[in-house]
Amino acid sequence: QVQLQESGPGLVKPSQTLPLTCTVSGGSITTNSYYWSWIRQPPGKGLEWMGAIANGDRTYYSPSQRGRTSISRDTSKNQFTLQLISVTPEDTALYYCAADLVHWGHGTQVTVSS
């Protein structure tokens, strides 16, 4: 079974770029035909799908995140990454990675604060 683990800095300053990594185990990020997604949940709010990457490095982004979000893959490490530029305190959230929105990581907390 596919397992996912998020990692990244717990604290980021406003205007900086947030880098997050999702490490996949139990399956290859290239042979599985999954959509590898990033989702977040701000405090007291619902889940927000941010974007995904699929085979052939096709990327899909939420309209609200397009322009600030970049998702890529490192096939040699079986990882995919999220970069969110120009963060603000409103980007404070629990960030999840998922495969086909079926298999989820446990999430990693990110706080944007000076």
PDB file of N, CA and C in Angstrom:
ATOM      1  N   GLN A   1       0.839  -1.191   0.000  1.00  0.00           N
ATOM      2  CA  GLN A   1       0.000   0.000   0.000  1.00  0.00           C
ATOM      3  C   GLN A   1       0.872   1.238   0.000  1.00  0.00           C
ATOM      4  N   VAL A   2       0.451   2.208  -0.773  1.00  0.00           N
ATOM      5  CA  VAL A   2       1.210   3.454  -0.871  1.00  0.00           C
ATOM      6  C   VAL A   2       1.135   4.212   0.450  1.00  0.00           C
ATOM      7  N   GLN A   3       2.278   4.683   0.902  1.00  0.00           N
ATOM      8  CA  GLN A   3       2.344   5.518   2.101  1.00  0.00           C
ATOM      9  C   GLN A   3       3.044   6.819   1.756  1.00  0.00           C
ATOM     10  N   LEU A   4       2.600   7.896   2.388  1.00  0.00           N
ATOM     11  CA  LEU A   4       3.142   9.221   2.095  1.00  0.00           C
ATOM     12  C   LEU A   4       3.543   9.914   3.386  1.00  0.00           C
ATOM     13  N   GLN A   5       4.619  10.679   3.318  1.00  0.00           N
ATOM     14  CA  GLN A   5       5.117  11.409   4.474  1.00  0.00           C
ATOM     15  C   GLN A   5       5.535  12.807   4.046  1.00  0.00           C
ATOM     16  N   GLU A   6       4.897  13.810   4.649  1.00  0.00           N
ATOM     17  CA  GLU A   6       5.244  15.200   4.359  1.00  0.00           C
ATOM     18  C   GLU A   6       6.415  15.649   5.222  1.00  0.00           C
ATOM     19  N   SER A   7       7.201  16.577   4.686  1.00  0.00           N
ATOM     20  CA  SER A   7       8.278  17.191   5.467  1.00  0.00           C
ATOM     21  C   SER A   7       8.502  18.606   4.967  1.00  0.00           C
ATOM     22  N   GLY A   8       8.975  19.458   5.872  1.00  0.00           N
ATOM     23  CA  GLY A   8       9.242  20.839   5.513  1.00  0.00           C
ATOM     24  C   GLY A   8       9.469  21.678   6.746  1.00  0.00           C
ATOM     25  N   PRO A   9       9.735  22.961   6.560  1.00  0.00           N
ATOM     26  CA  PRO A   9       9.981  23.840   7.706  1.00  0.00           C
ATOM     27  C   PRO A   9       8.685  24.101   8.455  1.00  0.00           C
ATOM     28  N   GLY A  10       8.693  24.063   9.717  1.00  0.00           N
ATOM     29  CA  GLY A  10       7.489  24.312  10.499  1.00  0.00           C
ATOM     30  C   GLY A  10       7.129  25.788  10.559  1.00  0.00           C
ATOM     31  N   LEU A  11       8.146  26.636  10.368  1.00  0.00           N
ATOM     32  CA  LEU A  11       7.934  28.076  10.492  1.00  0.00           C
ATOM     33  C   LEU A  11       8.577  28.777   9.304  1.00  0.00           C
ATOM     34  N   VAL A  12       7.816  29.651   8.670  1.00  0.00           N
ATOM     35  CA  VAL A  12       8.295  30.411   7.524  1.00  0.00           C
ATOM     36  C   VAL A  12       7.935  31.880   7.749  1.00  0.00           C
ATOM     37  N   LYS A  13       8.804  32.768   7.320  1.00  0.00           N
ATOM     38  CA  LYS A  13       8.533  34.199   7.480  1.00  0.00           C
ATOM     39  C   LYS A  13       7.731  34.725   6.290  1.00  0.00           C
ATOM     40  N   PRO A  14       6.927  35.728   6.524  1.00  0.00           N
ATOM     41  CA  PRO A  14       6.161  36.330   5.427  1.00  0.00           C
ATOM     42  C   PRO A  14       7.070  36.764   4.279  1.00  0.00           C
ATOM     43  N   SER A  15       6.565  36.584   3.089  1.00  0.00           N
ATOM     44  CA  SER A  15       7.219  36.909   1.812  1.00  0.00           C
ATOM     45  C   SER A  15       8.199  35.837   1.363  1.00  0.00           C
ATOM     46  N   GLN A  16       8.519  34.881   2.221  1.00  0.00           N
ATOM     47  CA  GLN A  16       9.436  33.814   1.822  1.00  0.00           C
ATOM     48  C   GLN A  16       8.710  32.755   1.001  1.00  0.00           C
ATOM     49  N   THR A  17       9.499  31.807   0.485  1.00  0.00           N
ATOM     50  CA  THR A  17       8.955  30.667  -0.248  1.00  0.00           C
ATOM     51  C   THR A  17       8.887  29.450   0.670  1.00  0.00           C
ATOM     52  N   LEU A  18       7.747  28.799   0.656  1.00  0.00           N
ATOM     53  CA  LEU A  18       7.552  27.587   1.450  1.00  0.00           C
ATOM     54  C   LEU A  18       7.845  26.364   0.592  1.00  0.00           C
ATOM     55  N   PRO A  19       8.830  25.557   0.979  1.00  0.00           N
ATOM     56  CA  PRO A  19       9.090  24.308   0.272  1.00  0.00           C
ATOM     57  C   PRO A  19       8.620  23.114   1.099  1.00  0.00           C
ATOM     58  N   LEU A  20       7.832  22.250   0.495  1.00  0.00           N
ATOM     59  CA  LEU A  20       7.382  21.033   1.167  1.00  0.00           C
ATOM     60  C   LEU A  20       7.709  19.830   0.284  1.00  0.00           C
ATOM     61  N   THR A  21       8.020  18.729   0.932  1.00  0.00           N
ATOM     62  CA  THR A  21       8.351  17.497   0.219  1.00  0.00           C
ATOM     63  C   THR A  21       7.453  16.375   0.697  1.00  0.00           C
ATOM     64  N   CYS A  22       7.027  15.552  -0.224  1.00  0.00           N
ATOM     65  CA  CYS A  22       6.244  14.361   0.099  1.00  0.00           C
ATOM     66  C   CYS A  22       7.051  13.153  -0.371  1.00  0.00           C
ATOM     67  N   THR A  23       7.408  12.307   0.584  1.00  0.00           N
ATOM     68  CA  THR A  23       8.162  11.098   0.259  1.00  0.00           C
ATOM     69  C   THR A  23       7.190   9.929   0.173  1.00  0.00           C
ATOM     70  N   VAL A  24       7.252   9.213  -0.929  1.00  0.00           N
ATOM     71  CA  VAL A  24       6.328   8.114  -1.195  1.00  0.00           C
ATOM     72  C   VAL A  24       7.031   6.782  -0.994  1.00  0.00           C
ATOM     73  N   SER A  25       6.368   5.857  -0.318  1.00  0.00           N
ATOM     74  CA  SER A  25       6.881   4.503  -0.158  1.00  0.00           C
ATOM     75  C   SER A  25       5.771   3.514  -0.462  1.00  0.00           C
ATOM     76  N   GLY A  26       6.174   2.265  -0.725  1.00  0.00           N
ATOM     77  CA  GLY A  26       5.184   1.236  -1.039  1.00  0.00           C
ATOM     78  C   GLY A  26       4.708   1.281  -2.473  1.00  0.00           C
ATOM     79  N   GLY A  27       5.344   2.087  -3.280  1.00  0.00           N
ATOM     80  CA  GLY A  27       4.969   2.191  -4.687  1.00  0.00           C
ATOM     81  C   GLY A  27       5.788   3.255  -5.358  1.00  0.00           C
ATOM     82  N   SER A  28       5.916   3.145  -6.669  1.00  0.00           N
ATOM     83  CA  SER A  28       6.715   4.114  -7.405  1.00  0.00           C
ATOM     84  C   SER A  28       5.866   5.290  -7.851  1.00  0.00           C
ATOM     85  N   ILE A  29       6.450   6.443  -7.733  1.00  0.00           N
ATOM     86  CA  ILE A  29       5.755   7.655  -8.147  1.00  0.00           C
ATOM     87  C   ILE A  29       5.631   7.719  -9.663  1.00  0.00           C
ATOM     88  N   THR A  30       6.393   6.889 -10.377  1.00  0.00           N
ATOM     89  CA  THR A  30       6.337   6.927 -11.833  1.00  0.00           C
ATOM     90  C   THR A  30       5.477   5.818 -12.418  1.00  0.00           C
ATOM     91  N   THR A  31       5.418   4.669 -11.785  1.00  0.00           N
ATOM     92  CA  THR A  31       4.659   3.570 -12.362  1.00  0.00           C
ATOM     93  C   THR A  31       3.193   3.605 -11.969  1.00  0.00           C
ATOM     94  N   ASN A  32       2.889   4.194 -10.818  1.00  0.00           N
ATOM     95  CA  ASN A  32       1.485   4.306 -10.435  1.00  0.00           C
ATOM     96  C   ASN A  32       0.834   5.458 -11.183  1.00  0.00           C
ATOM     97  N   SER A  33      -0.330   5.258 -11.677  1.00  0.00           N
ATOM     98  CA  SER A  33      -1.019   6.296 -12.445  1.00  0.00           C
ATOM     99  C   SER A  33      -1.848   7.190 -11.537  1.00  0.00           C
ATOM    100  N   TYR A  34      -1.258   7.548 -10.399  1.00  0.00           N
ATOM    101  CA  TYR A  34      -1.966   8.398  -9.462  1.00  0.00           C
ATOM    102  C   TYR A  34      -1.815   9.873  -9.820  1.00  0.00           C
ATOM    103  N   TYR A  35      -2.741  10.647  -9.294  1.00  0.00           N
ATOM    104  CA  TYR A  35      -2.574  12.083  -9.239  1.00  0.00           C
ATOM    105  C   TYR A  35      -2.032  12.383  -7.843  1.00  0.00           C
ATOM    106  N   TRP A  36      -0.845  12.968  -7.808  1.00  0.00           N
ATOM    107  CA  TRP A  36      -0.149  13.243  -6.540  1.00  0.00           C
ATOM    108  C   TRP A  36      -0.474  14.674  -6.146  1.00  0.00           C
ATOM    109  N   SER A  37      -1.246  14.816  -5.073  1.00  0.00           N
ATOM    110  CA  SER A  37      -1.821  16.111  -4.728  1.00  0.00           C
ATOM    111  C   SER A  37      -1.251  16.713  -3.458  1.00  0.00           C
ATOM    112  N   TRP A  38      -1.414  18.030  -3.366  1.00  0.00           N
ATOM    113  CA  TRP A  38      -1.189  18.773  -2.123  1.00  0.00           C
ATOM    114  C   TRP A  38      -2.512  19.400  -1.711  1.00  0.00           C
ATOM    115  N   ILE A  39      -2.822  19.273  -0.423  1.00  0.00           N
ATOM    116  CA  ILE A  39      -4.055  19.798   0.157  1.00  0.00           C
ATOM    117  C   ILE A  39      -3.664  20.468   1.474  1.00  0.00           C
ATOM    118  N   ARG A  40      -4.373  21.505   1.842  1.00  0.00           N
ATOM    119  CA  ARG A  40      -4.097  22.137   3.132  1.00  0.00           C
ATOM    120  C   ARG A  40      -5.386  22.434   3.873  1.00  0.00           C
ATOM    121  N   GLN A  41      -5.232  22.621   5.184  1.00  0.00           N
ATOM    122  CA  GLN A  41      -6.364  22.960   6.029  1.00  0.00           C
ATOM    123  C   GLN A  41      -5.956  24.053   6.995  1.00  0.00           C
ATOM    124  N   PRO A  42      -6.368  25.292   6.737  1.00  0.00           N
ATOM    125  CA  PRO A  42      -6.068  26.382   7.665  1.00  0.00           C
ATOM    126  C   PRO A  42      -6.810  26.170   8.982  1.00  0.00           C
ATOM    127  N   PRO A  43      -6.361  26.788  10.045  1.00  0.00           N
ATOM    128  CA  PRO A  43      -7.021  26.619  11.339  1.00  0.00           C
ATOM    129  C   PRO A  43      -8.484  27.017  11.266  1.00  0.00           C
ATOM    130  N   GLY A  44      -9.359  26.137  11.722  1.00  0.00           N
ATOM    131  CA  GLY A  44     -10.782  26.426  11.777  1.00  0.00           C
ATOM    132  C   GLY A  44     -11.490  26.409  10.435  1.00  0.00           C
ATOM    133  N   LYS A  45     -10.802  25.980   9.382  1.00  0.00           N
ATOM    134  CA  LYS A  45     -11.401  25.976   8.047  1.00  0.00           C
ATOM    135  C   LYS A  45     -11.366  24.576   7.438  1.00  0.00           C
ATOM    136  N   GLY A  46     -11.974  24.437   6.288  1.00  0.00           N
ATOM    137  CA  GLY A  46     -12.031  23.154   5.608  1.00  0.00           C
ATOM    138  C   GLY A  46     -10.798  22.869   4.780  1.00  0.00           C
ATOM    139  N   LEU A  47     -10.803  21.698   4.162  1.00  0.00           N
ATOM    140  CA  LEU A  47      -9.705  21.295   3.299  1.00  0.00           C
ATOM    141  C   LEU A  47      -9.718  22.095   1.994  1.00  0.00           C
ATOM    142  N   GLU A  48      -8.525  22.434   1.539  1.00  0.00           N
ATOM    143  CA  GLU A  48      -8.368  23.162   0.277  1.00  0.00           C
ATOM    144  C   GLU A  48      -7.384  22.420  -0.608  1.00  0.00           C
ATOM    145  N   TRP A  49      -7.846  21.937  -1.742  1.00  0.00           N
ATOM    146  CA  TRP A  49      -6.961  21.279  -2.697  1.00  0.00           C
ATOM    147  C   TRP A  49      -6.142  22.353  -3.413  1.00  0.00           C
ATOM    148  N   MET A  50      -4.826  22.162  -3.447  1.00  0.00           N
ATOM    149  CA  MET A  50      -3.957  23.184  -4.023  1.00  0.00           C
ATOM    150  C   MET A  50      -3.507  22.841  -5.429  1.00  0.00           C
ATOM    151  N   GLY A  51      -3.258  21.580  -5.677  1.00  0.00           N
ATOM    152  CA  GLY A  51      -2.796  21.189  -6.996  1.00  0.00           C
ATOM    153  C   GLY A  51      -2.310  19.755  -7.000  1.00  0.00           C
ATOM    154  N   ALA A  52      -1.935  19.282  -8.195  1.00  0.00           N
ATOM    155  CA  ALA A  52      -1.492  17.897  -8.332  1.00  0.00           C
ATOM    156  C   ALA A  52      -0.536  17.768  -9.505  1.00  0.00           C
ATOM    157  N   ILE A  53       0.213  16.656  -9.483  1.00  0.00           N
ATOM    158  CA  ILE A  53       1.089  16.302 -10.604  1.00  0.00           C
ATOM    159  C   ILE A  53       0.809  14.859 -10.967  1.00  0.00           C
ATOM    160  N   ALA A  54       0.822  14.576 -12.264  1.00  0.00           N
ATOM    161  CA  ALA A  54       0.531  13.228 -12.737  1.00  0.00           C
ATOM    162  C   ALA A  54       1.645  12.774 -13.672  1.00  0.00           C
ATOM    163  N   ASN A  55       1.496  11.565 -14.172  1.00  0.00           N
ATOM    164  CA  ASN A  55       2.517  11.055 -15.077  1.00  0.00           C
ATOM    165  C   ASN A  55       2.698  11.973 -16.273  1.00  0.00           C
ATOM    166  N   GLY A  56       3.938  12.011 -16.742  1.00  0.00           N
ATOM    167  CA  GLY A  56       4.270  12.945 -17.803  1.00  0.00           C
ATOM    168  C   GLY A  56       4.504  14.344 -17.271  1.00  0.00           C
ATOM    169  N   ASP A  57       4.551  14.424 -15.914  1.00  0.00           N
ATOM    170  CA  ASP A  57       4.741  15.718 -15.244  1.00  0.00           C
ATOM    171  C   ASP A  57       3.651  16.721 -15.599  1.00  0.00           C
ATOM    172  N   ARG A  58       2.459  16.222 -15.878  1.00  0.00           N
ATOM    173  CA  ARG A  58       1.330  17.129 -16.067  1.00  0.00           C
ATOM    174  C   ARG A  58       0.947  17.696 -14.711  1.00  0.00           C
ATOM    175  N   THR A  59       0.774  19.007 -14.650  1.00  0.00           N
ATOM    176  CA  THR A  59       0.425  19.655 -13.392  1.00  0.00           C
ATOM    177  C   THR A  59      -0.929  20.330 -13.511  1.00  0.00           C
ATOM    178  N   TYR A  60      -1.601  20.360 -12.369  1.00  0.00           N
ATOM    179  CA  TYR A  60      -2.929  20.949 -12.273  1.00  0.00           C
ATOM    180  C   TYR A  60      -2.945  21.787 -11.005  1.00  0.00           C
ATOM    181  N   TYR A  61      -3.501  22.970 -11.089  1.00  0.00           N
ATOM    182  CA  TYR A  61      -3.508  23.873  -9.938  1.00  0.00           C
ATOM    183  C   TYR A  61      -4.898  24.422  -9.706  1.00  0.00           C
ATOM    184  N   SER A  62      -5.190  24.638  -8.434  1.00  0.00           N
ATOM    185  CA  SER A  62      -6.410  25.338  -8.081  1.00  0.00           C
ATOM    186  C   SER A  62      -6.334  26.751  -8.636  1.00  0.00           C
ATOM    187  N   PRO A  63      -7.422  27.268  -9.195  1.00  0.00           N
ATOM    188  CA  PRO A  63      -7.388  28.643  -9.719  1.00  0.00           C
ATOM    189  C   PRO A  63      -6.937  29.662  -8.667  1.00  0.00           C
ATOM    190  N   SER A  64      -7.273  29.409  -7.438  1.00  0.00           N
ATOM    191  CA  SER A  64      -6.911  30.355  -6.375  1.00  0.00           C
ATOM    192  C   SER A  64      -5.421  30.307  -6.058  1.00  0.00           C
ATOM    193  N   GLN A  65      -4.748  29.235  -6.464  1.00  0.00           N
ATOM    194  CA  GLN A  65      -3.328  29.075  -6.148  1.00  0.00           C
ATOM    195  C   GLN A  65      -2.420  29.243  -7.349  1.00  0.00           C
ATOM    196  N   ARG A  66      -3.026  29.263  -8.534  1.00  0.00           N
ATOM    197  CA  ARG A  66      -2.196  29.353  -9.743  1.00  0.00           C
ATOM    198  C   ARG A  66      -1.389  30.639  -9.711  1.00  0.00           C
ATOM    199  N   GLY A  67      -0.132  30.534 -10.032  1.00  0.00           N
ATOM    200  CA  GLY A  67       0.739  31.699 -10.005  1.00  0.00           C
ATOM    201  C   GLY A  67       1.591  31.771  -8.763  1.00  0.00           C
ATOM    202  N   ARG A  68       1.138  31.136  -7.687  1.00  0.00           N
ATOM    203  CA  ARG A  68       1.933  31.108  -6.456  1.00  0.00           C
ATOM    204  C   ARG A  68       2.468  29.727  -6.155  1.00  0.00           C
ATOM    205  N   THR A  69       1.898  28.719  -6.820  1.00  0.00           N
ATOM    206  CA  THR A  69       2.189  27.335  -6.472  1.00  0.00           C
ATOM    207  C   THR A  69       2.906  26.624  -7.606  1.00  0.00           C
ATOM    208  N   SER A  70       3.875  25.827  -7.231  1.00  0.00           N
ATOM    209  CA  SER A  70       4.575  25.009  -8.205  1.00  0.00           C
ATOM    210  C   SER A  70       4.753  23.608  -7.621  1.00  0.00           C
ATOM    211  N   ILE A  71       4.343  22.602  -8.387  1.00  0.00           N
ATOM    212  CA  ILE A  71       4.493  21.216  -7.950  1.00  0.00           C
ATOM    213  C   ILE A  71       5.399  20.491  -8.935  1.00  0.00           C
ATOM    214  N   SER A  72       6.333  19.727  -8.407  1.00  0.00           N
ATOM    215  CA  SER A  72       7.263  18.993  -9.253  1.00  0.00           C
ATOM    216  C   SER A  72       7.560  17.636  -8.632  1.00  0.00           C
ATOM    217  N   ARG A  73       8.272  16.800  -9.400  1.00  0.00           N
ATOM    218  CA  ARG A  73       8.622  15.471  -8.913  1.00  0.00           C
ATOM    219  C   ARG A  73      10.126  15.244  -8.986  1.00  0.00           C
ATOM    220  N   ASP A  74      10.643  14.454  -8.056  1.00  0.00           N
ATOM    221  CA  ASP A  74      12.022  13.964  -8.106  1.00  0.00           C
ATOM    222  C   ASP A  74      11.918  12.446  -8.141  1.00  0.00           C
ATOM    223  N   THR A  75      11.951  11.896  -9.344  1.00  0.00           N
ATOM    224  CA  THR A  75      11.728  10.457  -9.480  1.00  0.00           C
ATOM    225  C   THR A  75      12.856   9.635  -8.868  1.00  0.00           C
ATOM    226  N   SER A  76      14.054  10.192  -8.809  1.00  0.00           N
ATOM    227  CA  SER A  76      15.183   9.453  -8.233  1.00  0.00           C
ATOM    228  C   SER A  76      15.004   9.251  -6.734  1.00  0.00           C
ATOM    229  N   LYS A  77      14.237  10.129  -6.109  1.00  0.00           N
ATOM    230  CA  LYS A  77      14.008  10.028  -4.662  1.00  0.00           C
ATOM    231  C   LYS A  77      12.588   9.564  -4.345  1.00  0.00           C
ATOM    232  N   ASN A  78      11.792   9.323  -5.376  1.00  0.00           N
ATOM    233  CA  ASN A  78      10.381   8.950  -5.194  1.00  0.00           C
ATOM    234  C   ASN A  78       9.650   9.983  -4.341  1.00  0.00           C
ATOM    235  N   GLN A  79       9.850  11.242  -4.697  1.00  0.00           N
ATOM    236  CA  GLN A  79       9.263  12.355  -3.957  1.00  0.00           C
ATOM    237  C   GLN A  79       8.565  13.319  -4.918  1.00  0.00           C
ATOM    238  N   PHE A  80       7.618  14.057  -4.403  1.00  0.00           N
ATOM    239  CA  PHE A  80       7.112  15.216  -5.115  1.00  0.00           C
ATOM    240  C   PHE A  80       7.067  16.393  -4.150  1.00  0.00           C
ATOM    241  N   THR A  81       7.159  17.581  -4.718  1.00  0.00           N
ATOM    242  CA  THR A  81       7.344  18.757  -3.890  1.00  0.00           C
ATOM    243  C   THR A  81       6.336  19.841  -4.229  1.00  0.00           C
ATOM    244  N   LEU A  82       6.149  20.716  -3.252  1.00  0.00           N
ATOM    245  CA  LEU A  82       5.320  21.903  -3.399  1.00  0.00           C
ATOM    246  C   LEU A  82       6.171  23.100  -3.060  1.00  0.00           C
ATOM    247  N   GLN A  83       6.090  24.127  -3.881  1.00  0.00           N
ATOM    248  CA  GLN A  83       6.686  25.409  -3.538  1.00  0.00           C
ATOM    249  C   GLN A  83       5.600  26.464  -3.610  1.00  0.00           C
ATOM    250  N   LEU A  84       5.439  27.193  -2.517  1.00  0.00           N
ATOM    251  CA  LEU A  84       4.448  28.264  -2.433  1.00  0.00           C
ATOM    252  C   LEU A  84       5.210  29.557  -2.191  1.00  0.00           C
ATOM    253  N   ILE A  85       5.100  30.475  -3.143  1.00  0.00           N
ATOM    254  CA  ILE A  85       5.895  31.691  -3.047  1.00  0.00           C
ATOM    255  C   ILE A  85       5.136  32.809  -2.318  1.00  0.00           C
ATOM    256  N   SER A  86       5.895  33.765  -1.827  1.00  0.00           N
ATOM    257  CA  SER A  86       5.333  34.981  -1.214  1.00  0.00           C
ATOM    258  C   SER A  86       4.276  34.652  -0.165  1.00  0.00           C
ATOM    259  N   VAL A  87       4.639  33.828   0.784  1.00  0.00           N
ATOM    260  CA  VAL A  87       3.662  33.400   1.780  1.00  0.00           C
ATOM    261  C   VAL A  87       3.253  34.551   2.687  1.00  0.00           C
ATOM    262  N   THR A  88       2.043  34.442   3.208  1.00  0.00           N
ATOM    263  CA  THR A  88       1.496  35.385   4.177  1.00  0.00           C
ATOM    264  C   THR A  88       0.953  34.574   5.358  1.00  0.00           C
ATOM    265  N   PRO A  89       0.600  35.236   6.453  1.00  0.00           N
ATOM    266  CA  PRO A  89       0.031  34.490   7.585  1.00  0.00           C
ATOM    267  C   PRO A  89      -1.199  33.664   7.196  1.00  0.00           C
ATOM    268  N   GLU A  90      -1.903  34.059   6.133  1.00  0.00           N
ATOM    269  CA  GLU A  90      -3.066  33.300   5.685  1.00  0.00           C
ATOM    270  C   GLU A  90      -2.695  31.934   5.114  1.00  0.00           C
ATOM    271  N   ASP A  91      -1.421  31.713   4.861  1.00  0.00           N
ATOM    272  CA  ASP A  91      -0.955  30.407   4.389  1.00  0.00           C
ATOM    273  C   ASP A  91      -0.642  29.458   5.536  1.00  0.00           C
ATOM    274  N   THR A  92      -0.824  29.917   6.765  1.00  0.00           N
ATOM    275  CA  THR A  92      -0.662  29.029   7.916  1.00  0.00           C
ATOM    276  C   THR A  92      -1.703  27.923   7.841  1.00  0.00           C
ATOM    277  N   ALA A  93      -1.259  26.680   7.900  1.00  0.00           N
ATOM    278  CA  ALA A  93      -2.184  25.553   7.717  1.00  0.00           C
ATOM    279  C   ALA A  93      -1.479  24.240   8.007  1.00  0.00           C
ATOM    280  N   LEU A  94      -2.280  23.197   8.073  1.00  0.00           N
ATOM    281  CA  LEU A  94      -1.777  21.828   8.076  1.00  0.00           C
ATOM    282  C   LEU A  94      -1.761  21.378   6.619  1.00  0.00           C
ATOM    283  N   TYR A  95      -0.587  21.009   6.132  1.00  0.00           N
ATOM    284  CA  TYR A  95      -0.423  20.655   4.724  1.00  0.00           C
ATOM    285  C   TYR A  95      -0.312  19.141   4.589  1.00  0.00           C
ATOM    286  N   TYR A  96      -1.113  18.601   3.666  1.00  0.00           N
ATOM    287  CA  TYR A  96      -1.131  17.166   3.400  1.00  0.00           C
ATOM    288  C   TYR A  96      -0.696  16.888   1.966  1.00  0.00           C
ATOM    289  N   CYS A  97      -0.082  15.729   1.756  1.00  0.00           N
ATOM    290  CA  CYS A  97       0.069  15.208   0.403  1.00  0.00           C
ATOM    291  C   CYS A  97      -0.761  13.929   0.300  1.00  0.00           C
ATOM    292  N   ALA A  98      -1.198  13.634  -0.904  1.00  0.00           N
ATOM    293  CA  ALA A  98      -2.095  12.494  -1.095  1.00  0.00           C
ATOM    294  C   ALA A  98      -1.907  11.905  -2.482  1.00  0.00           C
ATOM    295  N   ALA A  99      -2.246  10.615  -2.585  1.00  0.00           N
ATOM    296  CA  ALA A  99      -2.248   9.922  -3.869  1.00  0.00           C
ATOM    297  C   ALA A  99      -3.695   9.641  -4.235  1.00  0.00           C
ATOM    298  N   ASP A 100      -4.137  10.275  -5.318  1.00  0.00           N
ATOM    299  CA  ASP A 100      -5.511  10.098  -5.791  1.00  0.00           C
ATOM    300  C   ASP A 100      -6.560  10.451  -4.743  1.00  0.00           C
ATOM    301  N   LEU A 101      -6.153  11.237  -3.757  1.00  0.00           N
ATOM    302  CA  LEU A 101      -7.035  11.626  -2.640  1.00  0.00           C
ATOM    303  C   LEU A 101      -7.571  10.406  -1.896  1.00  0.00           C
ATOM    304  N   VAL A 102      -6.872   9.283  -2.058  1.00  0.00           N
ATOM    305  CA  VAL A 102      -7.251   8.054  -1.369  1.00  0.00           C
ATOM    306  C   VAL A 102      -6.258   7.743  -0.266  1.00  0.00           C
ATOM    307  N   HIS A 103      -4.982   7.832  -0.616  1.00  0.00           N
ATOM    308  CA  HIS A 103      -3.912   7.607   0.363  1.00  0.00           C
ATOM    309  C   HIS A 103      -3.362   8.963   0.781  1.00  0.00           C
ATOM    310  N   TRP A 104      -3.338   9.209   2.074  1.00  0.00           N
ATOM    311  CA  TRP A 104      -2.938  10.509   2.604  1.00  0.00           C
ATOM    312  C   TRP A 104      -1.755  10.368   3.556  1.00  0.00           C
ATOM    313  N   GLY A 105      -0.934  11.402   3.616  1.00  0.00           N
ATOM    314  CA  GLY A 105       0.056  11.509   4.669  1.00  0.00           C
ATOM    315  C   GLY A 105      -0.613  12.013   5.937  1.00  0.00           C
ATOM    316  N   HIS A 106       0.178  12.118   6.992  1.00  0.00           N
ATOM    317  CA  HIS A 106      -0.379  12.555   8.275  1.00  0.00           C
ATOM    318  C   HIS A 106      -0.464  14.073   8.368  1.00  0.00           C
ATOM    319  N   GLY A 107       0.208  14.756   7.464  1.00  0.00           N
ATOM    320  CA  GLY A 107       0.169  16.209   7.473  1.00  0.00           C
ATOM    321  C   GLY A 107       1.357  16.815   8.196  1.00  0.00           C
ATOM    322  N   THR A 108       1.724  18.020   7.782  1.00  0.00           N
ATOM    323  CA  THR A 108       2.786  18.766   8.449  1.00  0.00           C
ATOM    324  C   THR A 108       2.305  20.189   8.689  1.00  0.00           C
ATOM    325  N   GLN A 109       2.495  20.678   9.901  1.00  0.00           N
ATOM    326  CA  GLN A 109       2.025  22.018  10.261  1.00  0.00           C
ATOM    327  C   GLN A 109       3.015  23.066   9.760  1.00  0.00           C
ATOM    328  N   VAL A 110       2.472  24.083   9.122  1.00  0.00           N
ATOM    329  CA  VAL A 110       3.279  25.211   8.671  1.00  0.00           C
ATOM    330  C   VAL A 110       2.684  26.484   9.254  1.00  0.00           C
ATOM    331  N   THR A 111       3.521  27.265   9.892  1.00  0.00           N
ATOM    332  CA  THR A 111       3.108  28.553  10.436  1.00  0.00           C
ATOM    333  C   THR A 111       3.898  29.651   9.742  1.00  0.00           C
ATOM    334  N   VAL A 112       3.184  30.662   9.275  1.00  0.00           N
ATOM    335  CA  VAL A 112       3.833  31.818   8.649  1.00  0.00           C
ATOM    336  C   VAL A 112       3.774  32.966   9.641  1.00  0.00           C
ATOM    337  N   SER A 113       4.918  33.361  10.113  1.00  0.00           N
ATOM    338  CA  SER A 113       4.983  34.412  11.120  1.00  0.00           C
ATOM    339  C   SER A 113       6.371  35.027  11.126  1.00  0.00           C
ATOM    340  N   SER A 114       6.405  36.313  11.417  1.00  0.00           N
ATOM    341  CA  SER A 114       7.708  36.971  11.539  1.00  0.00           C
ATOM    342  C   SER A 114       8.247  36.838  12.956  1.00  0.00           C
TER     343      SER A 114
END
